[in-house]
All heavy atoms as atom14 arrays in JSON, in Angstrom:
{
  "sequence": "YVNRLLRDFPDSERKTQLTQDFIQDMEEMVSDYIENGKTEEDAINKA",
  "atom14_mask": [
    [1, 1, 1, 1, 1, 1, 1, 1, 1, 1, 1, 1, 0, 0],
    [1, 1, 1, 1, 1, 1, 1, 0, 0, 0, 0, 0, 0, 0],
    [1, 1, 1, 1, 1, 1, 1, 1, 0, 0, 0, 0, 0, 0],
    [1, 1, 1, 1, 1, 1, 1, 1, 1, 1, 1, 0, 0, 0],
    [1, 1, 1, 1, 1, 1, 1, 1, 0, 0, 0, 0, 0, 0],
    [1, 1, 1, 1, 1, 1, 1, 1, 0, 0, 0, 0, 0, 0],
    [1, 1, 1, 1, 1, 1, 1, 1, 1, 1, 1, 0, 0, 0],
    [1, 1, 1, 1, 1, 1, 1, 1, 0, 0, 0, 0, 0, 0],
    [1, 1, 1, 1, 1, 1, 1, 1, 1, 1, 1, 0, 0, 0],
    [1, 1, 1, 1, 1, 1, 1, 0, 0, 0, 0, 0, 0, 0],
    [1, 1, 1, 1, 1, 1, 1, 1, 0, 0, 0, 0, 0, 0],
    [1, 1, 1, 1, 1, 1, 0, 0, 0, 0, 0, 0, 0, 0],
    [1, 1, 1, 1, 1, 1, 1, 1, 1, 0, 0, 0, 0, 0],
    [1, 1, 1, 1, 1, 1, 1, 1, 1, 1, 1, 0, 0, 0],
    [1, 1, 1, 1, 1, 1, 1, 1, 1, 0, 0, 0, 0, 0],
    [1, 1, 1, 1, 1, 1, 1, 0, 0, 0, 0, 0, 0, 0],
    [1, 1, 1, 1, 1, 1, 1, 1, 1, 0, 0, 0, 0, 0],
    [1, 1, 1, 1, 1, 1, 1, 1, 0, 0, 0, 0, 0, 0],
    [1, 1, 1, 1, 1, 1, 1, 0, 0, 0, 0, 0, 0, 0],
    [1, 1, 1, 1, 1, 1, 1, 1, 1, 0, 0, 0, 0, 0],
    [1, 1, 1, 1, 1, 1, 1, 1, 0, 0, 0, 0, 0, 0],
    [1, 1, 1, 1, 1, 1, 1, 1, 1, 1, 1, 0, 0, 0],
    [1, 1, 1, 1, 1, 1, 1, 1, 0, 0, 0, 0, 0, 0],
    [1, 1, 1, 1, 1, 1, 1, 1, 1, 0, 0, 0, 0, 0],
    [1, 1, 1, 1, 1, 1, 1, 1, 0, 0, 0, 0, 0, 0],
    [1, 1, 1, 1, 1, 1, 1, 1, 0, 0, 0, 0, 0, 0],
    [1, 1, 1, 1, 1, 1, 1, 1, 1, 0, 0, 0, 0, 0],
    [1, 1, 1, 1, 1, 1, 1, 1, 1, 0, 0, 0, 0, 0],
    [1, 1, 1, 1, 1, 1, 1, 1, 0, 0, 0, 0, 0, 0],
    [1, 1, 1, 1, 1, 1, 1, 0, 0, 0, 0, 0, 0, 0],
    [1, 1, 1, 1, 1, 1, 0, 0, 0, 0, 0, 0, 0, 0],
    [1, 1, 1, 1, 1, 1, 1, 1, 0, 0, 0, 0, 0, 0],
    [1, 1, 1, 1, 1, 1, 1, 1, 1, 1, 1, 1, 0, 0],
    [1, 1, 1, 1, 1, 1, 1, 1, 0, 0, 0, 0, 0, 0],
    [1, 1, 1, 1, 1, 1, 1, 1, 1, 0, 0, 0, 0, 0],
    [1, 1, 1, 1, 1, 1, 1, 1, 0, 0, 0, 0, 0, 0],
    [1, 1, 1, 1, 0, 0, 0, 0, 0, 0, 0, 0, 0, 0],
    [1, 1, 1, 1, 1, 1, 1, 1, 1, 0, 0, 0, 0, 0],
    [1, 1, 1, 1, 1, 1, 1, 0, 0, 0, 0, 0, 0, 0],
    [1, 1, 1, 1, 1, 1, 1, 1, 1, 0, 0, 0, 0, 0],
    [1, 1, 1, 1, 1, 1, 1, 1, 1, 0, 0, 0, 0, 0],
    [1, 1, 1, 1, 1, 1, 1, 1, 0, 0, 0, 0, 0, 0],
    [1, 1, 1, 1, 1, 0, 0, 0, 0, 0, 0, 0, 0, 0],
    [1, 1, 1, 1, 1, 1, 1, 1, 0, 0, 0, 0, 0, 0],
    [1, 1, 1, 1, 1, 1, 1, 1, 0, 0, 0, 0, 0, 0],
    [1, 1, 1, 1, 1, 1, 1, 1, 1, 0, 0, 0, 0, 0],
    [1, 1, 1, 1, 1, 0, 0, 0, 0, 0, 0, 0, 0, 0]
  ],
  "atom14_positions": [
    [[8.88, -12.35, 0.56], [7.94, -13.19, -0.18], [8.67, -14.32, -0.91], [8.28, -15.48, -0.83], [7.14, -12.34, -1.16], [6.21, -13.13, -2.04], [5.05, -13.68, -1.54], [6.51, -13.35, -3.38], [4.2, -14.43, -2.34], [5.67, -14.09, -4.19], [4.51, -14.62, -3.67], [3.68, -15.36, -4.46], [0.0, 0.0, 0.0], [0.0, 0.0, 0.0]],
    [[9.74, -13.98, -1.6], [10.49, -14.99, -2.36], [11.14, -16.0, -1.41], [11.11, -17.21, -1.67], [11.54, -14.31, -3.27], [12.47, -15.34, -3.88], [10.86, -13.5, -4.35], [0.0, 0.0, 0.0], [0.0, 0.0, 0.0], [0.0, 0.0, 0.0], [0.0, 0.0, 0.0], [0.0, 0.0, 0.0], [0.0, 0.0, 0.0], [0.0, 0.0, 0.0]],
    [[11.7, -15.53, -0.31], [12.3, -16.45, 0.65], [11.25, -17.38, 1.26], [11.52, -18.55, 1.52], [13.02, -15.68, 1.76], [14.3, -15.06, 1.27], [14.95, -15.58, 0.36], [14.67, -13.93, 1.85], [0.0, 0.0, 0.0], [0.0, 0.0, 0.0], [0.0, 0.0, 0.0], [0.0, 0.0, 0.0], [0.0, 0.0, 0.0], [0.0, 0.0, 0.0]],
    [[10.04, -16.88, 1.48], [8.96, -17.71, 2.01], [8.53, -18.75, 0.96], [8.24, -19.89, 1.3], [7.78, -16.83, 2.41], [6.74, -17.55, 3.21], [5.67, -16.64, 3.79], [5.0, -15.87, 2.76], [5.0, -14.53, 2.68], [5.65, -13.82, 3.59], [4.37, -13.91, 1.72], [0.0, 0.0, 0.0], [0.0, 0.0, 0.0], [0.0, 0.0, 0.0]],
    [[8.52, -18.36, -0.31], [8.16, -19.31, -1.37], [9.17, -20.45, -1.48], [8.81, -21.6, -1.73], [8.08, -18.61, -2.72], [6.84, -17.79, -3.02], [6.98, -17.11, -4.38], [5.6, -18.65, -3.0], [0.0, 0.0, 0.0], [0.0, 0.0, 0.0], [0.0, 0.0, 0.0], [0.0, 0.0, 0.0], [0.0, 0.0, 0.0], [0.0, 0.0, 0.0]],
    [[10.45, -20.13, -1.31], [11.52, -21.11, -1.53], [12.04, -21.75, -0.25], [13.07, -22.41, -0.28], [12.66, -20.44, -2.29], [12.33, -19.91, -3.68], [13.51, -19.2, -4.28], [11.86, -21.02, -4.59], [0.0, 0.0, 0.0], [0.0, 0.0, 0.0], [0.0, 0.0, 0.0], [0.0, 0.0, 0.0], [0.0, 0.0, 0.0], [0.0, 0.0, 0.0]],
    [[11.34, -21.58, 0.85], [11.86, -22.12, 2.12], [11.87, -23.65, 2.16], [12.64, -24.24, 2.89], [11.07, -21.56, 3.29], [9.67, -22.09, 3.4], [8.94, -21.6, 4.64], [7.55, -22.01, 4.59], [6.54, -21.2, 4.34], [6.78, -19.92, 4.15], [5.32, -21.65, 4.28], [0.0, 0.0, 0.0], [0.0, 0.0, 0.0], [0.0, 0.0, 0.0]],
    [[11.03, -24.3, 1.36], [10.99, -25.77, 1.36], [12.12, -26.4, 0.57], [12.4, -27.57, 0.72], [9.65, -26.26, 0.79], [8.48, -25.87, 1.67], [8.69, -25.65, 2.88], [7.35, -25.78, 1.15], [0.0, 0.0, 0.0], [0.0, 0.0, 0.0], [0.0, 0.0, 0.0], [0.0, 0.0, 0.0], [0.0, 0.0, 0.0], [0.0, 0.0, 0.0]],
    [[12.75, -25.61, -0.28], [13.84, -26.13, -1.1], [15.09, -26.29, -0.24], [15.38, -25.47, 0.61], [14.16, -25.19, -2.26], [13.11, -25.16, -3.32], [12.14, -24.18, -3.33], [13.09, -26.11, -4.32], [11.17, -24.14, -4.31], [12.13, -26.08, -5.31], [11.17, -25.1, -5.3], [0.0, 0.0, 0.0], [0.0, 0.0, 0.0], [0.0, 0.0, 0.0]],
    [[15.87, -27.34, -0.47], [17.13, -27.48, 0.26], [18.12, -26.41, -0.19], [18.1, -25.97, -1.33], [17.61, -28.89, -0.11], [16.91, -29.22, -1.37], [15.62, -28.46, -1.37], [0.0, 0.0, 0.0], [0.0, 0.0, 0.0], [0.0, 0.0, 0.0], [0.0, 0.0, 0.0], [0.0, 0.0, 0.0], [0.0, 0.0, 0.0], [0.0, 0.0, 0.0]],
    [[18.96, -25.99, 0.74], [19.95, -24.96, 0.41], [20.93, -25.5, -0.62], [21.51, -26.56, -0.44], [20.72, -24.53, 1.67], [19.83, -23.74, 2.62], [18.86, -23.12, 2.13], [20.11, -23.73, 3.83], [0.0, 0.0, 0.0], [0.0, 0.0, 0.0], [0.0, 0.0, 0.0], [0.0, 0.0, 0.0], [0.0, 0.0, 0.0], [0.0, 0.0, 0.0]],
    [[21.06, -24.76, -1.7], [21.97, -25.16, -2.77], [22.26, -23.93, -3.62], [21.68, -22.86, -3.44], [21.37, -26.27, -3.63], [20.23, -25.79, -4.32], [0.0, 0.0, 0.0], [0.0, 0.0, 0.0], [0.0, 0.0, 0.0], [0.0, 0.0, 0.0], [0.0, 0.0, 0.0], [0.0, 0.0, 0.0], [0.0, 0.0, 0.0], [0.0, 0.0, 0.0]],
    [[23.16, -24.13, -4.55], [23.49, -23.05, -5.49], [22.29, -22.74, -6.37], [22.03, -21.58, -6.69], [24.68, -23.47, -6.34], [25.2, -22.37, -7.23], [26.44, -22.81, -7.99], [27.32, -23.42, -7.39], [26.48, -22.51, -9.2], [0.0, 0.0, 0.0], [0.0, 0.0, 0.0], [0.0, 0.0, 0.0], [0.0, 0.0, 0.0], [0.0, 0.0, 0.0]],
    [[21.53, -23.76, -6.72], [20.34, -23.58, -7.56], [19.29, -22.73, -6.84], [18.67, -21.86, -7.43], [19.76, -24.95, -7.92], [18.49, -24.9, -8.72], [18.77, -24.61, -10.17], [17.55, -24.76, -10.94], [17.15, -23.9, -11.84], [17.9, -22.86, -12.14], [16.04, -24.08, -12.48], [0.0, 0.0, 0.0], [0.0, 0.0, 0.0], [0.0, 0.0, 0.0]],
    [[19.09, -22.97, -5.53], [18.13, -22.19, -4.76], [18.56, -20.73, -4.68], [17.74, -19.83, -4.83], [17.99, -22.76, -3.36], [17.04, -21.96, -2.48], [16.96, -22.52, -1.09], [16.09, -21.66, -0.22], [15.98, -22.16, 1.14], [0.0, 0.0, 0.0], [0.0, 0.0, 0.0], [0.0, 0.0, 0.0], [0.0, 0.0, 0.0], [0.0, 0.0, 0.0]],
    [[19.84, -20.48, -4.48], [20.35, -19.11, -4.43], [20.12, -18.41, -5.75], [19.68, -17.25, -5.78], [21.85, -19.12, -4.08], [22.05, -19.86, -2.88], [22.38, -17.71, -3.91], [0.0, 0.0, 0.0], [0.0, 0.0, 0.0], [0.0, 0.0, 0.0], [0.0, 0.0, 0.0], [0.0, 0.0, 0.0], [0.0, 0.0, 0.0], [0.0, 0.0, 0.0]],
    [[20.38, -19.1, -6.85], [20.18, -18.52, -8.17], [18.71, -18.23, -8.43], [18.36, -17.16, -8.95], [20.74, -19.46, -9.26], [20.65, -18.9, -10.65], [21.51, -17.66, -10.84], [22.57, -17.54, -10.25], [21.05, -16.74, -11.64], [0.0, 0.0, 0.0], [0.0, 0.0, 0.0], [0.0, 0.0, 0.0], [0.0, 0.0, 0.0], [0.0, 0.0, 0.0]],
    [[17.83, -19.16, -8.06], [16.4, -18.95, -8.23], [15.91, -17.76, -7.41], [15.12, -16.95, -7.89], [15.62, -20.2, -7.82], [15.59, -21.36, -8.8], [14.9, -22.55, -8.17], [14.9, -20.96, -10.08], [0.0, 0.0, 0.0], [0.0, 0.0, 0.0], [0.0, 0.0, 0.0], [0.0, 0.0, 0.0], [0.0, 0.0, 0.0], [0.0, 0.0, 0.0]],
    [[16.39, -17.65, -6.19], [16.0, -16.54, -5.33], [16.4, -15.22, -5.96], [15.59, -14.29, -6.03], [16.65, -16.68, -3.94], [16.29, -17.95, -3.38], [16.23, -15.57, -3.01], [0.0, 0.0, 0.0], [0.0, 0.0, 0.0], [0.0, 0.0, 0.0], [0.0, 0.0, 0.0], [0.0, 0.0, 0.0], [0.0, 0.0, 0.0], [0.0, 0.0, 0.0]],
    [[17.62, -15.12, -6.43], [18.08, -13.88, -7.06], [17.28, -13.57, -8.33], [16.9, -12.42, -8.56], [19.57, -13.97, -7.39], [20.46, -14.01, -6.17], [21.91, -14.3, -6.52], [22.25, -14.58, -7.67], [22.77, -14.24, -5.52], [0.0, 0.0, 0.0], [0.0, 0.0, 0.0], [0.0, 0.0, 0.0], [0.0, 0.0, 0.0], [0.0, 0.0, 0.0]],
    [[17.01, -14.58, -9.13], [16.24, -14.37, -10.36], [14.82, -13.9, -10.07], [14.32, -12.97, -10.71], [16.19, -15.64, -11.2], [17.54, -16.01, -11.8], [18.43, -15.12, -11.84], [17.7, -17.16, -12.25], [0.0, 0.0, 0.0], [0.0, 0.0, 0.0], [0.0, 0.0, 0.0], [0.0, 0.0, 0.0], [0.0, 0.0, 0.0], [0.0, 0.0, 0.0]],
    [[14.17, -14.53, -9.1], [12.8, -14.15, -8.77], [12.75, -12.72, -8.22], [11.86, -11.94, -8.57], [12.19, -15.12, -7.76], [11.88, -16.47, -8.32], [11.7, -17.56, -7.49], [11.77, -16.69, -9.68], [11.4, -18.81, -7.99], [11.49, -17.93, -10.2], [11.3, -19.0, -9.35], [0.0, 0.0, 0.0], [0.0, 0.0, 0.0], [0.0, 0.0, 0.0]],
    [[13.68, -12.4, -7.34], [13.71, -11.04, -6.78], [13.93, -10.02, -7.89], [13.25, -8.99, -7.95], [14.78, -10.93, -5.67], [14.35, -11.73, -4.44], [15.04, -9.48, -5.31], [15.41, -11.85, -3.37], [0.0, 0.0, 0.0], [0.0, 0.0, 0.0], [0.0, 0.0, 0.0], [0.0, 0.0, 0.0], [0.0, 0.0, 0.0], [0.0, 0.0, 0.0]],
    [[14.85, -10.3, -8.79], [15.13, -9.38, -9.89], [13.89, -9.22, -10.79], [13.54, -8.09, -11.15], [16.31, -9.87, -10.71], [16.68, -8.95, -11.84], [17.86, -9.48, -12.65], [18.38, -10.57, -12.38], [18.27, -8.73, -13.63], [0.0, 0.0, 0.0], [0.0, 0.0, 0.0], [0.0, 0.0, 0.0], [0.0, 0.0, 0.0], [0.0, 0.0, 0.0]],
    [[13.23, -10.31, -11.12], [12.04, -10.23, -11.97], [10.94, -9.43, -11.29], [10.27, -8.6, -11.93], [11.52, -11.64, -12.29], [12.44, -12.41, -13.22], [13.32, -11.78, -13.85], [12.3, -13.65, -13.3], [0.0, 0.0, 0.0], [0.0, 0.0, 0.0], [0.0, 0.0, 0.0], [0.0, 0.0, 0.0], [0.0, 0.0, 0.0], [0.0, 0.0, 0.0]],
    [[10.73, -9.67, -10.01], [9.67, -8.95, -9.31], [10.01, -7.47, -9.15], [9.12, -6.61, -9.23], [9.4, -9.6, -7.97], [8.75, -10.97, -8.12], [8.36, -11.75, -6.57], [6.94, -10.8, -6.09], [0.0, 0.0, 0.0], [0.0, 0.0, 0.0], [0.0, 0.0, 0.0], [0.0, 0.0, 0.0], [0.0, 0.0, 0.0], [0.0, 0.0, 0.0]],
    [[11.28, -7.15, -8.94], [11.67, -5.74, -8.84], [11.46, -5.02, -10.17], [11.05, -3.86, -10.19], [13.12, -5.62, -8.38], [13.3, -5.93, -6.91], [14.74, -5.9, -6.46], [15.65, -5.82, -7.33], [14.98, -5.96, -5.25], [0.0, 0.0, 0.0], [0.0, 0.0, 0.0], [0.0, 0.0, 0.0], [0.0, 0.0, 0.0], [0.0, 0.0, 0.0]],
    [[11.71, -5.73, -11.26], [11.44, -5.13, -12.58], [9.95, -4.9, -12.77], [9.54, -3.87, -13.32], [11.99, -6.03, -13.68], [13.5, -6.04, -13.77], [14.04, -7.05, -14.77], [13.22, -7.67, -15.5], [15.26, -7.21, -14.83], [0.0, 0.0, 0.0], [0.0, 0.0, 0.0], [0.0, 0.0, 0.0], [0.0, 0.0, 0.0], [0.0, 0.0, 0.0]],
    [[9.12, -5.85, -12.33], [7.68, -5.66, -12.42], [7.23, -4.46, -11.6], [6.41, -3.66, -12.05], [6.95, -6.93, -11.94], [7.08, -8.12, -12.86], [6.43, -9.66, -12.16], [4.69, -9.31, -12.11], [0.0, 0.0, 0.0], [0.0, 0.0, 0.0], [0.0, 0.0, 0.0], [0.0, 0.0, 0.0], [0.0, 0.0, 0.0], [0.0, 0.0, 0.0]],
    [[7.78, -4.34, -10.39], [7.42, -3.2, -9.53], [7.83, -1.9, -10.18], [7.07, -0.92, -10.19], [8.06, -3.37, -8.13], [7.95, -2.09, -7.32], [7.43, -4.54, -7.39], [0.0, 0.0, 0.0], [0.0, 0.0, 0.0], [0.0, 0.0, 0.0], [0.0, 0.0, 0.0], [0.0, 0.0, 0.0], [0.0, 0.0, 0.0], [0.0, 0.0, 0.0]],
    [[9.01, -1.86, -10.78], [9.48, -0.64, -11.46], [8.54, -0.26, -12.6], [8.21, 0.93, -12.77], [10.87, -0.84, -12.04], [11.76, -1.28, -11.08], [0.0, 0.0, 0.0], [0.0, 0.0, 0.0], [0.0, 0.0, 0.0], [0.0, 0.0, 0.0], [0.0, 0.0, 0.0], [0.0, 0.0, 0.0], [0.0, 0.0, 0.0], [0.0, 0.0, 0.0]],
    [[8.1, -1.26, -13.35], [7.18, -0.98, -14.45], [5.85, -0.42, -13.94], [5.29, 0.52, -14.53], [6.92, -2.25, -15.27], [8.14, -2.7, -16.06], [9.06, -1.86, -16.26], [8.19, -3.88, -16.45], [0.0, 0.0, 0.0], [0.0, 0.0, 0.0], [0.0, 0.0, 0.0], [0.0, 0.0, 0.0], [0.0, 0.0, 0.0], [0.0, 0.0, 0.0]],
    [[5.34, -0.99, -12.85], [4.08, -0.5, -12.3], [4.22, 0.91, -11.75], [3.3, 1.74, -11.88], [3.55, -1.44, -11.22], [3.1, -2.77, -11.75], [3.44, -3.95, -11.1], [2.34, -2.87, -12.9], [3.03, -5.19, -11.59], [1.93, -4.1, -13.4], [2.28, -5.24, -12.74], [1.88, -6.46, -13.23], [0.0, 0.0, 0.0], [0.0, 0.0, 0.0]],
    [[5.34, 1.2, -11.13], [5.57, 2.56, -10.6], [5.65, 3.56, -11.75], [5.12, 4.67, -11.67], [6.83, 2.58, -9.71], [6.56, 1.8, -8.42], [7.25, 4.02, -9.4], [7.76, 1.65, -7.52], [0.0, 0.0, 0.0], [0.0, 0.0, 0.0], [0.0, 0.0, 0.0], [0.0, 0.0, 0.0], [0.0, 0.0, 0.0], [0.0, 0.0, 0.0]],
    [[6.3, 3.18, -12.84], [6.38, 4.05, -14.01], [5.01, 4.31, -14.62], [4.77, 5.35, -15.22], [7.3, 3.45, -15.08], [8.76, 3.5, -14.74], [9.63, 2.82, -15.78], [9.09, 2.39, -16.82], [10.84, 2.73, -15.54], [0.0, 0.0, 0.0], [0.0, 0.0, 0.0], [0.0, 0.0, 0.0], [0.0, 0.0, 0.0], [0.0, 0.0, 0.0]],
    [[4.11, 3.35, -14.47], [2.75, 3.49, -15.01], [1.81, 4.21, -14.05], [0.61, 4.27, -14.29], [2.17, 2.13, -15.38], [2.87, 1.54, -16.59], [3.41, 2.25, -17.41], [2.86, 0.21, -16.67], [0.0, 0.0, 0.0], [0.0, 0.0, 0.0], [0.0, 0.0, 0.0], [0.0, 0.0, 0.0], [0.0, 0.0, 0.0], [0.0, 0.0, 0.0]],
    [[2.33, 4.72, -12.93], [1.54, 5.56, -12.05], [1.05, 4.92, -10.77], [0.3, 5.55, -10.03], [0.0, 0.0, 0.0], [0.0, 0.0, 0.0], [0.0, 0.0, 0.0], [0.0, 0.0, 0.0], [0.0, 0.0, 0.0], [0.0, 0.0, 0.0], [0.0, 0.0, 0.0], [0.0, 0.0, 0.0], [0.0, 0.0, 0.0], [0.0, 0.0, 0.0]],
    [[1.43, 3.71, -10.46], [1.0, 3.08, -9.21], [1.91, 3.52, -8.08], [3.07, 3.88, -8.29], [1.03, 1.56, -9.34], [0.07, 1.01, -10.35], [-0.62, -0.18, -9.77], [-1.59, -0.76, -10.76], [-2.95, -0.46, -10.43], [0.0, 0.0, 0.0], [0.0, 0.0, 0.0], [0.0, 0.0, 0.0], [0.0, 0.0, 0.0], [0.0, 0.0, 0.0]],
    [[1.39, 3.47, -6.85], [2.24, 3.74, -5.69], [3.14, 2.54, -5.47], [2.88, 1.44, -6.0], [1.39, 3.98, -4.43], [0.68, 2.79, -4.13], [0.43, 5.14, -4.63], [0.0, 0.0, 0.0], [0.0, 0.0, 0.0], [0.0, 0.0, 0.0], [0.0, 0.0, 0.0], [0.0, 0.0, 0.0], [0.0, 0.0, 0.0], [0.0, 0.0, 0.0]],
    [[4.17, 2.72, -4.68], [5.13, 1.64, -4.48], [4.48, 0.43, -3.82], [4.69, -0.72, -4.23], [6.32, 2.11, -3.63], [7.38, 1.04, -3.48], [8.59, 1.51, -2.7], [8.67, 2.7, -2.35], [9.47, 0.66, -2.46], [0.0, 0.0, 0.0], [0.0, 0.0, 0.0], [0.0, 0.0, 0.0], [0.0, 0.0, 0.0], [0.0, 0.0, 0.0]],
    [[3.65, 0.67, -2.82], [3.01, -0.46, -2.14], [2.02, -1.18, -3.05], [1.97, -2.41, -3.07], [2.29, 0.02, -0.88], [1.76, -1.15, -0.09], [1.51, -0.8, 1.37], [2.13, 0.12, 1.89], [0.67, -1.49, 1.96], [0.0, 0.0, 0.0], [0.0, 0.0, 0.0], [0.0, 0.0, 0.0], [0.0, 0.0, 0.0], [0.0, 0.0, 0.0]],
    [[1.26, -0.44, -3.84], [0.34, -1.07, -4.79], [1.11, -1.87, -5.84], [0.69, -2.96, -6.24], [-0.53, -0.03, -5.49], [-1.59, 0.55, -4.57], [-1.89, -0.08, -3.54], [-2.12, 1.64, -4.88], [0.0, 0.0, 0.0], [0.0, 0.0, 0.0], [0.0, 0.0, 0.0], [0.0, 0.0, 0.0], [0.0, 0.0, 0.0], [0.0, 0.0, 0.0]],
    [[2.22, -1.32, -6.29], [3.04, -2.0, -7.29], [3.6, -3.3, -6.73], [3.61, -4.34, -7.41], [4.16, -1.09, -7.76], [0.0, 0.0, 0.0], [0.0, 0.0, 0.0], [0.0, 0.0, 0.0], [0.0, 0.0, 0.0], [0.0, 0.0, 0.0], [0.0, 0.0, 0.0], [0.0, 0.0, 0.0], [0.0, 0.0, 0.0], [0.0, 0.0, 0.0]],
    [[4.06, -3.27, -5.49], [4.61, -4.48, -4.86], [3.51, -5.53, -4.71], [3.7, -6.71, -5.05], [5.26, -4.15, -3.5], [6.54, -3.34, -3.72], [5.56, -5.43, -2.72], [7.17, -2.81, -2.45], [0.0, 0.0, 0.0], [0.0, 0.0, 0.0], [0.0, 0.0, 0.0], [0.0, 0.0, 0.0], [0.0, 0.0, 0.0], [0.0, 0.0, 0.0]],
    [[2.36, -5.11, -4.22], [1.25, -6.07, -4.04], [0.8, -6.66, -5.37], [0.54, -7.86, -5.47], [0.08, -5.39, -3.33], [0.4, -5.09, -1.87], [1.24, -5.75, -1.26], [-0.25, -4.09, -1.32], [0.0, 0.0, 0.0], [0.0, 0.0, 0.0], [0.0, 0.0, 0.0], [0.0, 0.0, 0.0], [0.0, 0.0, 0.0], [0.0, 0.0, 0.0]],
    [[0.73, -5.82, -6.39], [0.31, -6.32, -7.7], [1.36, -7.29, -8.27], [1.02, -8.31, -8.88], [0.07, -5.17, -8.67], [-0.49, -5.63, -9.99], [-1.06, -4.51, -10.79], [-1.55, -5.1, -12.09], [-2.71, -4.48, -12.61], [0.0, 0.0, 0.0], [0.0, 0.0, 0.0], [0.0, 0.0, 0.0], [0.0, 0.0, 0.0], [0.0, 0.0, 0.0]],
    [[2.63, -6.99, -8.08], [3.69, -7.88, -8.56], [3.63, -9.23, -7.85], [3.79, -10.28, -8.48], [5.06, -7.24, -8.35], [0.0, 0.0, 0.0], [0.0, 0.0, 0.0], [0.0, 0.0, 0.0], [0.0, 0.0, 0.0], [0.0, 0.0, 0.0], [0.0, 0.0, 0.0], [0.0, 0.0, 0.0], [0.0, 0.0, 0.0], [0.0, 0.0, 0.0]]
  ]
}
């Protein structure tokens, strides 16, 4: 999902950093949803 969002950006150090930050933020959101009782797929979709 994150790679699809950022595919229009030219390859650069900034794009790599943004990709890593977005993935990390979304993984934290998924972890929070799983802790609150959602299934992994529901948590990913909600994130």
